[in-house]
Amino acid sequence: MGSDDYLHVAGIVQQGHQVASGRAEASPFPAGTIELQAPLFADMGLDLSWAFMGTINVAIEPFRFRFLRSDYTFTNVKWTESYPPETFSFARCALEFAGRSYPAWIYYPHPETKISHFQPPSLIEIITQPIETIAYGSQVGIAYDPRSIEVFPQ
C-alpha cells in the first residue's frame, strides 16, 4: 500500500499538556518526554533524531480515531524513574500544512499504561520535523494508512 492509498482527515493544531516538548511550566521533565524517550526508541529501531522533540496535537473533531495496527510498538518502556513502564505505538503518516506534506509518525502512548496526561480520542499526536510557521489554530491535514488507524464520527 503506497501513500496514494492513504486517507485524509482535517484538523486544527491545538495546545496540549506541553509535557512532550518540555514547555509546560510544571513539567517534571524540562527537556520533554520525547527527548527522554527518543534514544530508547532508537535503540529499538525507530530513529527520531530528525524530528522536533515534542508532538503536534491535532484535534480532528467531530471525528475520533482508534489505533488498529502499528509500524512499531514498544512495550514496557522504562523511560523515567517517575512513572511505571509504558507502551508506545507509532504509525507512519504525513502531516499536510501550507501546501506541503511532511513525513510524520502518529505517536500513541497506550492509555492503559499511562498514569497521567491523557488525550481525548479526537486528538492525534504527531511527531514530525520542525515546522517554523505552524502554530496553535493552524489548519492541517493528516494522511494516514486506514490499516493503521480508523477515523470515525464521535
Protein backbone atom coordinates (compact mmCIF):
# COMPACT_ATOMS: atom_id res chain seq x y z
CA MET A 1 0.00 0.00 0.00
CA GLY A 2 1.52 3.29 -1.07
CA SER A 3 0.88 6.82 0.13
CA ASP A 4 -1.64 7.21 -2.71
CA ASP A 5 -3.86 4.79 -0.77
CA TYR A 6 -3.82 6.93 2.35
CA LEU A 7 -6.98 8.58 3.63
CA HIS A 8 -7.08 12.18 4.85
CA VAL A 9 -8.60 13.86 7.86
CA ALA A 10 -8.60 17.60 8.53
CA GLY A 11 -7.74 19.02 11.90
CA ILE A 12 -6.67 22.03 13.91
CA VAL A 13 -3.41 22.28 15.84
CA GLN A 14 -4.18 22.80 19.49
CA GLN A 15 -2.15 23.26 22.62
CA GLY A 16 -1.59 20.07 24.56
CA HIS A 17 -0.18 19.45 28.01
CA GLN A 18 3.26 20.65 26.74
CA VAL A 19 4.98 17.85 28.63
CA ALA A 20 6.19 16.07 25.47
CA SER A 21 8.16 19.18 24.45
CA GLY A 22 9.12 20.21 27.99
CA ARG A 23 7.41 23.60 27.62
CA ALA A 24 4.92 23.08 30.47
CA GLU A 25 5.82 25.27 33.44
CA ALA A 26 5.16 22.50 35.94
CA SER A 27 6.69 19.70 33.88
CA PRO A 28 8.95 17.35 35.82
CA PHE A 29 10.81 16.82 32.52
CA PRO A 30 12.36 20.16 31.41
CA ALA A 31 13.82 18.58 28.24
CA GLY A 32 10.47 16.99 27.44
CA THR A 33 9.31 13.41 27.41
CA ILE A 34 10.11 12.86 23.71
CA GLU A 35 13.72 13.94 24.27
CA LEU A 36 13.98 11.31 27.02
CA GLN A 37 12.14 8.59 25.09
CA ALA A 38 13.75 9.08 21.64
CA PRO A 39 17.09 7.38 22.47
CA LEU A 40 15.21 4.34 23.78
CA PHE A 41 13.05 4.22 20.65
CA ALA A 42 16.24 4.48 18.54
CA ASP A 43 17.76 1.52 20.40
CA MET A 44 14.62 -0.45 19.47
CA GLY A 45 14.75 0.56 15.79
CA LEU A 46 12.92 3.88 15.39
CA ASP A 47 15.18 6.87 14.74
CA LEU A 48 13.51 10.19 15.61
CA SER A 49 16.72 12.24 15.64
CA TRP A 50 15.45 14.26 12.64
CA ALA A 51 12.21 15.26 14.39
CA PHE A 52 11.06 18.09 16.64
CA MET A 53 11.35 16.77 20.19
CA GLY A 54 7.68 17.25 21.00
CA THR A 55 4.32 16.45 19.49
CA ILE A 56 1.91 18.42 17.35
CA ASN A 57 -1.56 17.88 18.76
CA VAL A 58 -4.17 17.73 16.02
CA ALA A 59 -7.84 17.93 17.03
CA ILE A 60 -9.99 16.12 14.45
CA GLU A 61 -13.48 16.89 15.84
CA PRO A 62 -16.19 15.91 15.01
CA PHE A 63 -14.22 12.70 14.47
CA ARG A 64 -12.28 10.42 16.75
CA PHE A 65 -9.75 7.74 15.99
CA ARG A 66 -8.87 4.23 17.04
CA PHE A 67 -5.39 2.77 16.69
CA LEU A 68 -5.54 -0.50 14.74
CA ARG A 69 -2.03 -1.50 13.73
CA SER A 70 1.38 0.00 14.24
CA ASP A 71 4.60 0.14 12.30
CA TYR A 72 6.36 0.00 15.67
CA THR A 73 5.15 -0.96 19.13
CA PHE A 74 7.46 -0.81 22.10
CA THR A 75 6.18 -2.44 25.29
CA ASN A 76 7.24 -1.89 28.87
CA VAL A 77 9.46 1.09 28.07
CA LYS A 78 11.03 2.35 31.31
CA TRP A 79 11.91 5.88 30.20
CA THR A 80 11.81 7.52 33.66
CA GLU A 81 12.00 6.55 37.29
CA SER A 82 8.96 8.78 37.93
CA TYR A 83 6.43 6.51 36.19
CA PRO A 84 5.92 2.82 35.59
CA PRO A 85 6.90 1.42 32.17
CA GLU A 86 4.66 2.41 29.26
CA THR A 87 3.75 1.00 25.86
CA PHE A 88 4.09 3.19 22.76
CA SER A 89 2.93 2.61 19.20
CA PHE A 90 3.83 4.52 16.06
CA ALA A 91 2.15 4.57 12.65
CA ARG A 92 3.50 6.28 9.55
CA CYS A 93 1.54 9.25 8.27
CA ALA A 94 2.06 12.61 6.65
CA LEU A 95 1.25 15.99 8.12
CA GLU A 96 -0.14 18.35 5.49
CA PHE A 97 0.34 22.04 6.16
CA ALA A 98 0.51 25.16 3.99
CA GLY A 99 0.64 23.22 0.74
CA ARG A 100 3.40 20.84 1.87
CA SER A 101 3.41 17.27 3.08
CA TYR A 102 5.79 16.31 5.88
CA PRO A 103 6.72 12.70 6.70
CA ALA A 104 5.49 12.04 10.21
CA TRP A 105 4.54 9.49 12.82
CA ILE A 106 1.36 9.12 14.81
CA TYR A 107 2.63 8.84 18.38
CA TYR A 108 0.36 6.74 20.55
CA PRO A 109 1.22 6.20 24.20
CA HIS A 110 -1.18 3.41 25.16
CA PRO A 111 -3.68 4.84 27.67
CA GLU A 112 -3.80 1.59 29.64
CA THR A 113 -0.12 2.03 30.57
CA LYS A 114 -0.16 5.81 31.22
CA ILE A 115 -0.80 7.35 34.61
CA SER A 116 -1.35 10.96 33.52
CA HIS A 117 -1.65 13.43 30.62
CA PHE A 118 -4.40 11.60 28.79
CA GLN A 119 -5.61 12.82 25.41
CA PRO A 120 -9.21 12.69 24.16
CA PRO A 121 -9.89 10.21 21.33
CA SER A 122 -10.42 13.17 18.98
CA LEU A 123 -6.78 14.28 19.33
CA ILE A 124 -3.94 12.74 17.34
CA GLU A 125 -0.36 13.34 18.46
CA ILE A 126 2.07 13.76 15.56
CA ILE A 127 5.85 13.68 15.55
CA THR A 128 7.48 15.33 12.54
CA GLN A 129 10.31 17.66 11.63
CA PRO A 130 10.38 21.21 12.97
CA ILE A 131 7.93 23.41 11.02
CA GLU A 132 8.62 27.08 11.69
CA THR A 133 5.28 28.58 10.71
CA ILE A 134 2.91 26.07 12.30
CA ALA A 135 1.05 27.41 15.32
CA TYR A 136 -1.92 26.75 17.56
CA GLY A 137 -5.02 27.19 15.44
CA SER A 138 -3.31 26.18 12.19
CA GLN A 139 -5.42 24.08 9.86
CA VAL A 140 -3.67 20.86 8.91
CA GLY A 141 -4.40 17.51 7.36
CA ILE A 142 -3.22 14.07 8.28
CA ALA A 143 -2.74 11.49 5.53
CA TYR A 144 -2.94 8.08 7.19
CA ASP A 145 -2.99 4.41 6.34
CA PRO A 146 -6.53 3.12 7.04
CA ARG A 147 -4.99 -0.17 8.17
CA SER A 148 -3.20 1.71 10.95
CA ILE A 149 -5.93 3.94 12.35
CA GLU A 150 -9.67 4.15 11.94
CA VAL A 151 -11.26 7.61 11.86
CA PHE A 152 -15.00 7.74 12.53
CA PRO A 153 -17.69 10.19 13.76
CA GLN A 154 -17.96 10.73 17.51
